Amino acid sequence: MVRSQPTRGEIWLVDLGLAQKTRPVVIMSVKPTGDERVVVSYIARTTSTRGTQYEVPHEAPGFKPGVFDAQSIGTIPVARLLKRIGTLDADTFGKVQTVLKSWLDF
């Protein structure tokens, strides 16, 4: 069970099921308040890169080289977050936001 509420830009370990396994994700959504659903939206991190325009490279201590892939956006209940494993630096988080906007054509 999650002991604290996830915050935008934090990296959490999440069990995404058999298809995607347990992997790091960066939280993209704001904290739910009041009667809102207790869910978060995320972008998954992968080490299986494809070199698309929607990938943002990420290298940090404790991580294998990989990318945050805006095409791997999802939403899950907060209860499915396993543990907080870091915070994405502001520059990389900004790049993730930019490619997400491009992917969604915002």
PDB file of N, CA and C in Angstrom:
ATOM      1  N   MET A   1       0.840  -1.180   0.000  1.00  0.00           N
ATOM      2  CA  MET A   1       0.000   0.000   0.000  1.00  0.00           C
ATOM      3  C   MET A   1       0.889   1.250   0.000  1.00  0.00           C
ATOM      4  N   VAL A   2       0.509   2.245  -0.755  1.00  0.00           N
ATOM      5  CA  VAL A   2       1.262   3.484  -0.871  1.00  0.00           C
ATOM      6  C   VAL A   2       1.116   4.280   0.417  1.00  0.00           C
ATOM      7  N   ARG A   3       2.226   4.731   0.985  1.00  0.00           N
ATOM      8  CA  ARG A   3       2.198   5.493   2.233  1.00  0.00           C
ATOM      9  C   ARG A   3       2.072   6.990   1.995  1.00  0.00           C
ATOM     10  N   SER A   4       2.456   7.457   0.830  1.00  0.00           N
ATOM     11  CA  SER A   4       2.350   8.884   0.528  1.00  0.00           C
ATOM     12  C   SER A   4       1.716   9.053  -0.847  1.00  0.00           C
ATOM     13  N   GLN A   5       1.161  10.233  -1.068  1.00  0.00           N
ATOM     14  CA  GLN A   5       0.542  10.518  -2.361  1.00  0.00           C
ATOM     15  C   GLN A   5       1.631  10.825  -3.386  1.00  0.00           C
ATOM     16  N   PRO A   6       1.551  10.235  -4.549  1.00  0.00           N
ATOM     17  CA  PRO A   6       2.530  10.522  -5.597  1.00  0.00           C
ATOM     18  C   PRO A   6       2.389  11.955  -6.102  1.00  0.00           C
ATOM     19  N   THR A   7       3.495  12.515  -6.540  1.00  0.00           N
ATOM     20  CA  THR A   7       3.554  13.884  -7.019  1.00  0.00           C
ATOM     21  C   THR A   7       4.079  13.901  -8.444  1.00  0.00           C
ATOM     22  N   ARG A   8       3.575  14.852  -9.242  1.00  0.00           N
ATOM     23  CA  ARG A   8       4.067  15.012 -10.619  1.00  0.00           C
ATOM     24  C   ARG A   8       5.591  15.023 -10.635  1.00  0.00           C
ATOM     25  N   GLY A   9       6.157  14.264 -11.563  1.00  0.00           N
ATOM     26  CA  GLY A   9       7.603  14.239 -11.724  1.00  0.00           C
ATOM     27  C   GLY A   9       8.307  13.167 -10.923  1.00  0.00           C
ATOM     28  N   GLU A  10       7.588  12.512 -10.009  1.00  0.00           N
ATOM     29  CA  GLU A  10       8.208  11.427  -9.250  1.00  0.00           C
ATOM     30  C   GLU A  10       8.228  10.150 -10.089  1.00  0.00           C
ATOM     31  N   ILE A  11       9.227   9.330  -9.831  1.00  0.00           N
ATOM     32  CA  ILE A  11       9.343   8.031 -10.493  1.00  0.00           C
ATOM     33  C   ILE A  11       8.916   6.973  -9.480  1.00  0.00           C
ATOM     34  N   TRP A  12       7.965   6.156  -9.888  1.00  0.00           N
ATOM     35  CA  TRP A  12       7.435   5.091  -9.034  1.00  0.00           C
ATOM     36  C   TRP A  12       7.577   3.751  -9.739  1.00  0.00           C
ATOM     37  N   LEU A  13       7.743   2.699  -8.964  1.00  0.00           N
ATOM     38  CA  LEU A  13       7.732   1.349  -9.481  1.00  0.00           C
ATOM     39  C   LEU A  13       6.286   0.874  -9.453  1.00  0.00           C
ATOM     40  N   VAL A  14       5.824   0.321 -10.594  1.00  0.00           N
ATOM     41  CA  VAL A  14       4.420  -0.073 -10.745  1.00  0.00           C
ATOM     42  C   VAL A  14       4.347  -1.445 -11.394  1.00  0.00           C
ATOM     43  N   ASP A  15       3.434  -2.272 -10.903  1.00  0.00           N
ATOM     44  CA  ASP A  15       3.154  -3.555 -11.548  1.00  0.00           C
ATOM     45  C   ASP A  15       2.100  -3.310 -12.619  1.00  0.00           C
ATOM     46  N   LEU A  16       2.514  -3.326 -13.881  1.00  0.00           N
ATOM     47  CA  LEU A  16       1.599  -3.053 -14.996  1.00  0.00           C
ATOM     48  C   LEU A  16       0.999  -4.327 -15.587  1.00  0.00           C
ATOM     49  N   GLY A  17       1.157  -5.447 -14.898  1.00  0.00           N
ATOM     50  CA  GLY A  17       0.549  -6.684 -15.354  1.00  0.00           C
ATOM     51  C   GLY A  17       1.467  -7.491 -16.251  1.00  0.00           C
ATOM     52  N   LEU A  18       0.948  -8.602 -16.730  1.00  0.00           N
ATOM     53  CA  LEU A  18       1.749  -9.530 -17.534  1.00  0.00           C
ATOM     54  C   LEU A  18       2.305  -8.918 -18.804  1.00  0.00           C
ATOM     55  N   ALA A  19       1.529  -8.074 -19.461  1.00  0.00           N
ATOM     56  CA  ALA A  19       1.955  -7.526 -20.752  1.00  0.00           C
ATOM     57  C   ALA A  19       3.150  -6.590 -20.620  1.00  0.00           C
ATOM     58  N   GLN A  20       3.206  -5.802 -19.543  1.00  0.00           N
ATOM     59  CA  GLN A  20       4.280  -4.828 -19.417  1.00  0.00           C
ATOM     60  C   GLN A  20       5.175  -5.057 -18.209  1.00  0.00           C
ATOM     61  N   LYS A  21       4.836  -5.947 -17.315  1.00  0.00           N
ATOM     62  CA  LYS A  21       5.580  -6.311 -16.106  1.00  0.00           C
ATOM     63  C   LYS A  21       5.737  -5.144 -15.134  1.00  0.00           C
ATOM     64  N   THR A  22       6.596  -5.321 -14.153  1.00  0.00           N
ATOM     65  CA  THR A  22       6.867  -4.257 -13.179  1.00  0.00           C
ATOM     66  C   THR A  22       7.936  -3.348 -13.749  1.00  0.00           C
ATOM     67  N   ARG A  23       7.642  -2.047 -13.765  1.00  0.00           N
ATOM     68  CA  ARG A  23       8.590  -1.106 -14.356  1.00  0.00           C
ATOM     69  C   ARG A  23       8.441   0.272 -13.738  1.00  0.00           C
ATOM     70  N   PRO A  24       9.454   1.125 -13.919  1.00  0.00           N
ATOM     71  CA  PRO A  24       9.344   2.504 -13.450  1.00  0.00           C
ATOM     72  C   PRO A  24       8.426   3.312 -14.356  1.00  0.00           C
ATOM     73  N   VAL A  25       7.720   4.250 -13.734  1.00  0.00           N
ATOM     74  CA  VAL A  25       6.888   5.204 -14.470  1.00  0.00           C
ATOM     75  C   VAL A  25       7.115   6.577 -13.865  1.00  0.00           C
ATOM     76  N   VAL A  26       6.911   7.619 -14.666  1.00  0.00           N
ATOM     77  CA  VAL A  26       6.934   8.978 -14.117  1.00  0.00           C
ATOM     78  C   VAL A  26       5.492   9.454 -14.019  1.00  0.00           C
ATOM     79  N   ILE A  27       5.151  10.022 -12.879  1.00  0.00           N
ATOM     80  CA  ILE A  27       3.796  10.513 -12.636  1.00  0.00           C
ATOM     81  C   ILE A  27       3.617  11.831 -13.391  1.00  0.00           C
ATOM     82  N   MET A  28       2.548  11.915 -14.184  1.00  0.00           N
ATOM     83  CA  MET A  28       2.280  13.101 -14.999  1.00  0.00           C
ATOM     84  C   MET A  28       1.091  13.913 -14.488  1.00  0.00           C
ATOM     85  N   SER A  29       0.225  13.305 -13.700  1.00  0.00           N
ATOM     86  CA  SER A  29      -1.005  13.971 -13.279  1.00  0.00           C
ATOM     87  C   SER A  29      -0.838  14.695 -11.948  1.00  0.00           C
ATOM     88  N   VAL A  30      -1.802  15.553 -11.659  1.00  0.00           N
ATOM     89  CA  VAL A  30      -1.843  16.254 -10.380  1.00  0.00           C
ATOM     90  C   VAL A  30      -2.463  15.336  -9.331  1.00  0.00           C
ATOM     91  N   LYS A  31      -2.289  15.702  -8.065  1.00  0.00           N
ATOM     92  CA  LYS A  31      -2.865  14.906  -6.983  1.00  0.00           C
ATOM     93  C   LYS A  31      -4.388  15.019  -7.001  1.00  0.00           C
ATOM     94  N   PRO A  32      -5.076  13.891  -6.843  1.00  0.00           N
ATOM     95  CA  PRO A  32      -6.535  13.956  -6.759  1.00  0.00           C
ATOM     96  C   PRO A  32      -6.958  14.626  -5.449  1.00  0.00           C
ATOM     97  N   THR A  33      -8.066  15.337  -5.489  1.00  0.00           N
ATOM     98  CA  THR A  33      -8.589  16.003  -4.295  1.00  0.00           C
ATOM     99  C   THR A  33     -10.075  15.712  -4.151  1.00  0.00           C
ATOM    100  N   GLY A  34     -10.576  15.893  -2.947  1.00  0.00           N
ATOM    101  CA  GLY A  34     -12.011  15.760  -2.701  1.00  0.00           C
ATOM    102  C   GLY A  34     -12.575  14.428  -3.133  1.00  0.00           C
ATOM    103  N   ASP A  35     -13.622  14.492  -3.956  1.00  0.00           N
ATOM    104  CA  ASP A  35     -14.324  13.289  -4.399  1.00  0.00           C
ATOM    105  C   ASP A  35     -13.792  12.727  -5.710  1.00  0.00           C
ATOM    106  N   GLU A  36     -12.656  13.220  -6.167  1.00  0.00           N
ATOM    107  CA  GLU A  36     -12.097  12.727  -7.426  1.00  0.00           C
ATOM    108  C   GLU A  36     -11.618  11.287  -7.275  1.00  0.00           C
ATOM    109  N   ARG A  37     -11.531  10.593  -8.386  1.00  0.00           N
ATOM    110  CA  ARG A  37     -10.993   9.233  -8.369  1.00  0.00           C
ATOM    111  C   ARG A  37      -9.538   9.281  -7.911  1.00  0.00           C
ATOM    112  N   VAL A  38      -9.127   8.287  -7.152  1.00  0.00           N
ATOM    113  CA  VAL A  38      -7.756   8.234  -6.637  1.00  0.00           C
ATOM    114  C   VAL A  38      -6.908   7.438  -7.650  1.00  0.00           C
ATOM    115  N   VAL A  39      -6.615   8.119  -8.746  1.00  0.00           N
ATOM    116  CA  VAL A  39      -5.833   7.529  -9.827  1.00  0.00           C
ATOM    117  C   VAL A  39      -4.712   8.500 -10.215  1.00  0.00           C
ATOM    118  N   VAL A  40      -3.703   7.965 -10.891  1.00  0.00           N
ATOM    119  CA  VAL A  40      -2.632   8.787 -11.445  1.00  0.00           C
ATOM    120  C   VAL A  40      -2.417   8.401 -12.902  1.00  0.00           C
ATOM    121  N   SER A  41      -2.008   9.376 -13.685  1.00  0.00           N
ATOM    122  CA  SER A  41      -1.603   9.107 -15.068  1.00  0.00           C
ATOM    123  C   SER A  41      -0.086   9.128 -15.107  1.00  0.00           C
ATOM    124  N   TYR A  42       0.473   8.283 -15.941  1.00  0.00           N
ATOM    125  CA  TYR A  42       1.917   8.083 -15.966  1.00  0.00           C
ATOM    126  C   TYR A  42       2.417   7.888 -17.388  1.00  0.00           C
ATOM    127  N   ILE A  43       3.737   7.999 -17.525  1.00  0.00           N
ATOM    128  CA  ILE A  43       4.451   7.596 -18.738  1.00  0.00           C
ATOM    129  C   ILE A  43       5.431   6.513 -18.308  1.00  0.00           C
ATOM    130  N   ALA A  44       5.397   5.382 -18.976  1.00  0.00           N
ATOM    131  CA  ALA A  44       6.261   4.266 -18.614  1.00  0.00           C
ATOM    132  C   ALA A  44       7.689   4.471 -19.124  1.00  0.00           C
ATOM    133  N   ARG A  45       8.634   3.913 -18.370  1.00  0.00           N
ATOM    134  CA  ARG A  45      10.045   3.923 -18.743  1.00  0.00           C
ATOM    135  C   ARG A  45      10.385   2.540 -19.265  1.00  0.00           C
ATOM    136  N   THR A  46      11.171   2.487 -20.334  1.00  0.00           N
ATOM    137  CA  THR A  46      11.575   1.216 -20.912  1.00  0.00           C
ATOM    138  C   THR A  46      13.035   1.258 -21.322  1.00  0.00           C
ATOM    139  N   THR A  47      13.654   0.087 -21.328  1.00  0.00           N
ATOM    140  CA  THR A  47      15.023  -0.023 -21.842  1.00  0.00           C
ATOM    141  C   THR A  47      15.011  -0.554 -23.274  1.00  0.00           C
ATOM    142  N   SER A  48      13.818  -0.896 -23.782  1.00  0.00           N
ATOM    143  CA  SER A  48      13.660  -1.351 -25.172  1.00  0.00           C
ATOM    144  C   SER A  48      13.305  -0.155 -26.040  1.00  0.00           C
ATOM    145  N   THR A  49      14.324   0.563 -26.463  1.00  0.00           N
ATOM    146  CA  THR A  49      14.095   1.787 -27.220  1.00  0.00           C
ATOM    147  C   THR A  49      13.857   1.491 -28.696  1.00  0.00           C
ATOM    148  N   ARG A  50      13.127   2.384 -29.346  1.00  0.00           N
ATOM    149  CA  ARG A  50      12.860   2.261 -30.789  1.00  0.00           C
ATOM    150  C   ARG A  50      13.363   3.465 -31.562  1.00  0.00           C
ATOM    151  N   GLY A  51      13.764   4.510 -30.838  1.00  0.00           N
ATOM    152  CA  GLY A  51      14.279   5.698 -31.501  1.00  0.00           C
ATOM    153  C   GLY A  51      13.203   6.598 -32.077  1.00  0.00           C
ATOM    154  N   THR A  52      11.982   6.527 -31.535  1.00  0.00           N
ATOM    155  CA  THR A  52      10.909   7.371 -32.063  1.00  0.00           C
ATOM    156  C   THR A  52      11.008   8.785 -31.498  1.00  0.00           C
ATOM    157  N   GLN A  53      10.277   9.693 -32.107  1.00  0.00           N
ATOM    158  CA  GLN A  53      10.250  11.085 -31.652  1.00  0.00           C
ATOM    159  C   GLN A  53       9.531  11.247 -30.323  1.00  0.00           C
ATOM    160  N   TYR A  54       8.878  10.199 -29.833  1.00  0.00           N
ATOM    161  CA  TYR A  54       8.116  10.269 -28.589  1.00  0.00           C
ATOM    162  C   TYR A  54       8.866   9.686 -27.393  1.00  0.00           C
ATOM    163  N   GLU A  55      10.139   9.381 -27.573  1.00  0.00           N
ATOM    164  CA  GLU A  55      10.975   8.855 -26.504  1.00  0.00           C
ATOM    165  C   GLU A  55      11.885   9.953 -25.954  1.00  0.00           C
ATOM    166  N   VAL A  56      11.997   9.979 -24.628  1.00  0.00           N
ATOM    167  CA  VAL A  56      12.900  10.922 -23.965  1.00  0.00           C
ATOM    168  C   VAL A  56      13.959  10.106 -23.233  1.00  0.00           C
ATOM    169  N   PRO A  57      15.230  10.243 -23.637  1.00  0.00           N
ATOM    170  CA  PRO A  57      16.294   9.482 -22.974  1.00  0.00           C
ATOM    171  C   PRO A  57      16.368   9.795 -21.478  1.00  0.00           C
ATOM    172  N   HIS A  58      16.669   8.754 -20.708  1.00  0.00           N
ATOM    173  CA  HIS A  58      16.814   8.917 -19.256  1.00  0.00           C
ATOM    174  C   HIS A  58      17.964   8.044 -18.769  1.00  0.00           C
ATOM    175  N   GLU A  59      18.953   8.696 -18.177  1.00  0.00           N
ATOM    176  CA  GLU A  59      20.055   7.999 -17.522  1.00  0.00           C
ATOM    177  C   GLU A  59      20.212   8.599 -16.137  1.00  0.00           C
ATOM    178  N   ALA A  60      20.263   7.743 -15.133  1.00  0.00           N
ATOM    179  CA  ALA A  60      20.415   8.195 -13.751  1.00  0.00           C
ATOM    180  C   ALA A  60      21.023   7.056 -12.944  1.00  0.00           C
ATOM    181  N   PRO A  61      21.704   7.391 -11.851  1.00  0.00           N
ATOM    182  CA  PRO A  61      22.250   6.339 -10.988  1.00  0.00           C
ATOM    183  C   PRO A  61      21.159   5.368 -10.549  1.00  0.00           C
ATOM    184  N   GLY A  62      21.465   4.080 -10.621  1.00  0.00           N
ATOM    185  CA  GLY A  62      20.508   3.055 -10.225  1.00  0.00           C
ATOM    186  C   GLY A  62      19.586   2.591 -11.333  1.00  0.00           C
ATOM    187  N   PHE A  63      19.686   3.206 -12.507  1.00  0.00           N
ATOM    188  CA  PHE A  63      18.843   2.834 -13.651  1.00  0.00           C
ATOM    189  C   PHE A  63      19.718   2.390 -14.817  1.00  0.00           C
ATOM    190  N   LYS A  64      19.265   1.379 -15.546  1.00  0.00           N
ATOM    191  CA  LYS A  64      19.887   1.068 -16.822  1.00  0.00           C
ATOM    192  C   LYS A  64      19.505   2.175 -17.794  1.00  0.00           C
ATOM    193  N   PRO A  65      20.333   2.461 -18.805  1.00  0.00           N
ATOM    194  CA  PRO A  65      19.936   3.473 -19.794  1.00  0.00           C
ATOM    195  C   PRO A  65      18.586   3.098 -20.409  1.00  0.00           C
ATOM    196  N   GLY A  66      17.722   4.088 -20.571  1.00  0.00           N
ATOM    197  CA  GLY A  66      16.397   3.835 -21.117  1.00  0.00           C
ATOM    198  C   GLY A  66      15.732   5.122 -21.539  1.00  0.00           C
ATOM    199  N   VAL A  67      14.436   5.037 -21.770  1.00  0.00           N
ATOM    200  CA  VAL A  67      13.649   6.194 -22.209  1.00  0.00           C
ATOM    201  C   VAL A  67      12.300   6.192 -21.520  1.00  0.00           C
ATOM    202  N   PHE A  68      11.728   7.389 -21.400  1.00  0.00           N
ATOM    203  CA  PHE A  68      10.315   7.524 -21.073  1.00  0.00           C
ATOM    204  C   PHE A  68       9.608   7.661 -22.410  1.00  0.00           C
ATOM    205  N   ASP A  69       8.658   6.773 -22.678  1.00  0.00           N
ATOM    206  CA  ASP A  69       7.989   6.690 -23.976  1.00  0.00           C
ATOM    207  C   ASP A  69       6.566   7.245 -23.871  1.00  0.00           C
ATOM    208  N   ALA A  70       6.340   8.416 -24.465  1.00  0.00           N
ATOM    209  CA  ALA A  70       5.028   9.068 -24.388  1.00  0.00           C
ATOM    210  C   ALA A  70       3.924   8.205 -25.001  1.00  0.00           C
ATOM    211  N   GLN A  71       4.279   7.245 -25.828  1.00  0.00           N
ATOM    212  CA  GLN A  71       3.268   6.346 -26.377  1.00  0.00           C
ATOM    213  C   GLN A  71       2.847   5.289 -25.350  1.00  0.00           C
ATOM    214  N   SER A  72       3.511   5.292 -24.196  1.00  0.00           N
ATOM    215  CA  SER A  72       3.161   4.370 -23.111  1.00  0.00           C
ATOM    216  C   SER A  72       2.501   5.119 -21.966  1.00  0.00           C
ATOM    217  N   ILE A  73       1.526   5.929 -22.306  1.00  0.00           N
ATOM    218  CA  ILE A  73       0.777   6.674 -21.290  1.00  0.00           C
ATOM    219  C   ILE A  73      -0.329   5.769 -20.751  1.00  0.00           C
ATOM    220  N   GLY A  74      -0.602   5.913 -19.463  1.00  0.00           N
ATOM    221  CA  GLY A  74      -1.662   5.127 -18.858  1.00  0.00           C
ATOM    222  C   GLY A  74      -2.163   5.781 -17.588  1.00  0.00           C
ATOM    223  N   THR A  75      -3.229   5.223 -17.045  1.00  0.00           N
ATOM    224  CA  THR A  75      -3.808   5.687 -15.791  1.00  0.00           C
ATOM    225  C   THR A  75      -4.125   4.467 -14.943  1.00  0.00           C
ATOM    226  N   ILE A  76      -3.746   4.526 -13.664  1.00  0.00           N
ATOM    227  CA  ILE A  76      -3.982   3.410 -12.750  1.00  0.00           C
ATOM    228  C   ILE A  76      -4.397   3.943 -11.381  1.00  0.00           C
ATOM    229  N   PRO A  77      -5.029   3.090 -10.573  1.00  0.00           N
ATOM    230  CA  PRO A  77      -5.321   3.485  -9.198  1.00  0.00           C
ATOM    231  C   PRO A  77      -4.009   3.673  -8.413  1.00  0.00           C
ATOM    232  N   VAL A  78      -3.995   4.654  -7.527  1.00  0.00           N
ATOM    233  CA  VAL A  78      -2.814   4.915  -6.702  1.00  0.00           C
ATOM    234  C   VAL A  78      -2.406   3.659  -5.931  1.00  0.00           C
ATOM    235  N   ALA A  79      -3.363   2.839  -5.543  1.00  0.00           N
ATOM    236  CA  ALA A  79      -3.077   1.626  -4.772  1.00  0.00           C
ATOM    237  C   ALA A  79      -2.150   0.662  -5.515  1.00  0.00           C
ATOM    238  N   ARG A  80      -2.039   0.776  -6.837  1.00  0.00           N
ATOM    239  CA  ARG A  80      -1.176  -0.124  -7.615  1.00  0.00           C
ATOM    240  C   ARG A  80       0.285   0.327  -7.648  1.00  0.00           C
ATOM    241  N   LEU A  81       0.558   1.535  -7.148  1.00  0.00           N
ATOM    242  CA  LEU A  81       1.946   1.997  -7.074  1.00  0.00           C
ATOM    243  C   LEU A  81       2.652   1.218  -5.974  1.00  0.00           C
ATOM    244  N   LEU A  82       3.833   0.678  -6.293  1.00  0.00           N
ATOM    245  CA  LEU A  82       4.545  -0.157  -5.331  1.00  0.00           C
ATOM    246  C   LEU A  82       5.448   0.654  -4.411  1.00  0.00           C
ATOM    247  N   LYS A  83       6.315   1.496  -5.010  1.00  0.00           N
ATOM    248  CA  LYS A  83       7.176   2.341  -4.181  1.00  0.00           C
ATOM    249  C   LYS A  83       7.783   3.455  -5.011  1.00  0.00           C
ATOM    250  N   ARG A  84       8.051   4.555  -4.321  1.00  0.00           N
ATOM    251  CA  ARG A  84       8.709   5.710  -4.948  1.00  0.00           C
ATOM    252  C   ARG A  84      10.195   5.399  -5.060  1.00  0.00           C
ATOM    253  N   ILE A  85      10.747   5.605  -6.269  1.00  0.00           N
ATOM    254  CA  ILE A  85      12.164   5.284  -6.459  1.00  0.00           C
ATOM    255  C   ILE A  85      12.991   6.484  -6.905  1.00  0.00           C
ATOM    256  N   GLY A  86      12.377   7.654  -6.998  1.00  0.00           N
ATOM    257  CA  GLY A  86      13.152   8.832  -7.354  1.00  0.00           C
ATOM    258  C   GLY A  86      12.279   9.958  -7.854  1.00  0.00           C
ATOM    259  N   THR A  87      12.964  10.999  -8.312  1.00  0.00           N
ATOM    260  CA  THR A  87      12.303  12.158  -8.906  1.00  0.00           C
ATOM    261  C   THR A  87      13.031  12.489 -10.193  1.00  0.00           C
ATOM    262  N   LEU A  88      12.283  12.740 -11.234  1.00  0.00           N
ATOM    263  CA  LEU A  88      12.867  13.088 -12.528  1.00  0.00           C
ATOM    264  C   LEU A  88      13.380  14.522 -12.481  1.00  0.00           C
ATOM    265  N   ASP A  89      14.569  14.757 -13.015  1.00  0.00           N
ATOM    266  CA  ASP A  89      15.101  16.120 -13.034  1.00  0.00           C
ATOM    267  C   ASP A  89      14.210  17.006 -13.909  1.00  0.00           C
ATOM    268  N   ALA A  90      14.204  18.296 -13.599  1.00  0.00           N
ATOM    269  CA  ALA A  90      13.282  19.245 -14.239  1.00  0.00           C
ATOM    270  C   ALA A  90      13.451  19.289 -15.751  1.00  0.00           C
ATOM    271  N   ASP A  91      14.679  19.220 -16.244  1.00  0.00           N
ATOM    272  CA  ASP A  91      14.921  19.282 -17.688  1.00  0.00           C
ATOM    273  C   ASP A  91      14.296  18.078 -18.399  1.00  0.00           C
ATOM    274  N   THR A  92      14.533  16.881 -17.871  1.00  0.00           N
ATOM    275  CA  THR A  92      13.978  15.673 -18.493  1.00  0.00           C
ATOM    276  C   THR A  92      12.459  15.659 -18.374  1.00  0.00           C
ATOM    277  N   PHE A  93      11.929  16.083 -17.218  1.00  0.00           N
ATOM    278  CA  PHE A  93      10.473  16.128 -17.052  1.00  0.00           C
ATOM    279  C   PHE A  93       9.851  17.086 -18.066  1.00  0.00           C
ATOM    280  N   GLY A  94      10.493  18.221 -18.292  1.00  0.00           N
ATOM    281  CA  GLY A  94      10.008  19.168 -19.296  1.00  0.00           C
ATOM    282  C   GLY A  94       9.976  18.556 -20.686  1.00  0.00           C
ATOM    283  N   LYS A  95      11.000  17.774 -21.015  1.00  0.00           N
ATOM    284  CA  LYS A  95      11.042  17.098 -22.326  1.00  0.00           C
ATOM    285  C   LYS A  95       9.928  16.055 -22.430  1.00  0.00           C
ATOM    286  N   VAL A  96       9.666  15.331 -21.340  1.00  0.00           N
ATOM    287  CA  VAL A  96       8.575  14.348 -21.345  1.00  0.00           C
ATOM    288  C   VAL A  96       7.241  15.054 -21.585  1.00  0.00           C
ATOM    289  N   GLN A  97       7.022  16.185 -20.925  1.00  0.00           N
ATOM    290  CA  GLN A  97       5.791  16.947 -21.136  1.00  0.00           C
ATOM    291  C   GLN A  97       5.654  17.392 -22.593  1.00  0.00           C
ATOM    292  N   THR A  98       6.768  17.843 -23.175  1.00  0.00           N
ATOM    293  CA  THR A  98       6.748  18.310 -24.564  1.00  0.00           C
ATOM    294  C   THR A  98       6.392  17.189 -25.531  1.00  0.00           C
ATOM    295  N   VAL A  99       7.027  16.016 -25.382  1.00  0.00           N
ATOM    296  CA  VAL A  99       6.721  14.926 -26.314  1.00  0.00           C
ATOM    297  C   VAL A  99       5.325  14.368 -26.073  1.00  0.00           C
ATOM    298  N   LEU A 100       4.846  14.415 -24.818  1.00  0.00           N
ATOM    299  CA  LEU A 100       3.478  13.974 -24.546  1.00  0.00           C
ATOM    300  C   LEU A 100       2.479  14.883 -25.246  1.00  0.00           C
ATOM    301  N   LYS A 101       2.699  16.185 -25.190  1.00  0.00           N
ATOM    302  CA  LYS A 101       1.828  17.134 -25.887  1.00  0.00           C
ATOM    303  C   LYS A 101       1.848  16.867 -27.384  1.00  0.00           C
ATOM    304  N   SER A 102       3.010  16.551 -27.908  1.00  0.00           N
ATOM    305  CA  SER A 102       3.130  16.251 -29.344  1.00  0.00           C
ATOM    306  C   SER A 102       2.361  14.957 -29.678  1.00  0.00           C
ATOM    307  N   TRP A 103       2.538  13.931 -28.868  1.00  0.00           N
ATOM    308  CA  TRP A 103       1.864  12.650 -29.097  1.00  0.00           C
ATOM    309  C   TRP A 103       0.349  12.812 -29.066  1.00  0.00           C
ATOM    310  N   LEU A 104      -0.162  13.658 -28.148  1.00  0.00           N
ATOM    311  CA  LEU A 104      -1.603  13.861 -28.013  1.00  0.00           C
ATOM    312  C   LEU A 104      -2.115  14.998 -28.890  1.00  0.00           C
ATOM    313  N   ASP A 105      -1.205  15.657 -29.622  1.00  0.00           N
ATOM    314  CA  ASP A 105      -1.526  16.770 -30.517  1.00  0.00           C
ATOM    315  C   ASP A 105      -2.189  17.921 -29.776  1.00  0.00           C
ATOM    316  N   PHE A 106      -1.621  18.279 -28.623  1.00  0.00           N
ATOM    317  CA  PHE A 106      -2.101  19.429 -27.849  1.00  0.00           C
ATOM    318  C   PHE A 106      -1.350  20.671 -28.252  1.00  0.00           C
TER     319      PHE A 106
END
